[in-house]
Amino acid sequence: MFVDGVLPNARAIGELALVKYEQAKFEDVAYYEPFYLKDVYITSASKSAK
């Protein structure tokens, strides 16, 4: 979806980060797990293909 007049840039992320910093809300990066929009399914290669 595209929204007219809205352009993504790093400044928006910086502003969000500043709010979290001022609230002293930090992530422990040693135990941080990213949130993906869909589950990741990893399958192994089929041995029947020769």
Protein backbone atom coordinates (compact mmCIF):
# COMPACT_ATOMS: atom_id res chain seq x y z
CA MET A 1 0.00 0.00 0.00
CA PHE A 2 1.35 3.41 -0.90
CA VAL A 3 0.26 6.55 0.94
CA ASP A 4 0.63 9.82 -0.94
CA GLY A 5 2.88 12.32 0.78
CA VAL A 6 4.49 9.76 3.11
CA LEU A 7 8.09 8.80 2.43
CA PRO A 8 10.01 6.34 4.62
CA ASN A 9 13.23 7.68 6.09
CA ALA A 10 15.63 7.07 8.95
CA ARG A 11 14.48 10.18 10.80
CA ALA A 12 11.17 8.51 11.70
CA ILE A 13 13.02 5.57 13.26
CA GLY A 14 15.26 7.95 15.19
CA GLU A 15 12.24 9.73 16.63
CA LEU A 16 10.71 6.41 17.73
CA ALA A 17 14.03 5.36 19.27
CA LEU A 18 14.29 8.65 21.17
CA VAL A 19 10.85 8.09 22.72
CA LYS A 20 11.87 4.61 23.91
CA TYR A 21 15.19 5.97 25.21
CA GLU A 22 13.48 8.70 27.20
CA GLN A 23 11.14 6.08 28.67
CA ALA A 24 14.20 3.92 29.53
CA LYS A 25 12.70 1.00 27.59
CA PHE A 26 15.66 -1.04 26.38
CA GLU A 27 15.96 -4.48 24.79
CA ASP A 28 18.40 -7.05 26.12
CA VAL A 29 20.03 -7.86 22.79
CA ALA A 30 21.56 -11.07 24.17
CA TYR A 31 18.05 -12.57 24.38
CA TYR A 32 16.20 -10.56 21.73
CA GLU A 33 14.23 -12.54 19.14
CA PRO A 34 12.96 -10.71 16.07
CA PHE A 35 9.26 -10.78 15.24
CA TYR A 36 8.52 -11.95 11.71
CA LEU A 37 5.12 -11.44 10.15
CA LYS A 38 4.85 -15.09 9.15
CA ASP A 39 6.28 -18.32 10.50
CA VAL A 40 9.51 -19.60 9.02
CA TYR A 41 9.30 -23.13 7.69
CA ILE A 42 12.60 -24.82 6.91
CA THR A 43 12.50 -28.12 5.03
CA SER A 44 15.32 -30.41 4.05
CA ALA A 45 16.00 -31.43 0.47
CA SER A 46 14.18 -34.52 -0.76
CA LYS A 47 16.38 -37.61 -1.13
CA SER A 48 14.07 -39.06 -3.83
CA ALA A 49 15.39 -36.65 -6.48
CA LYS A 50 18.42 -38.38 -8.05
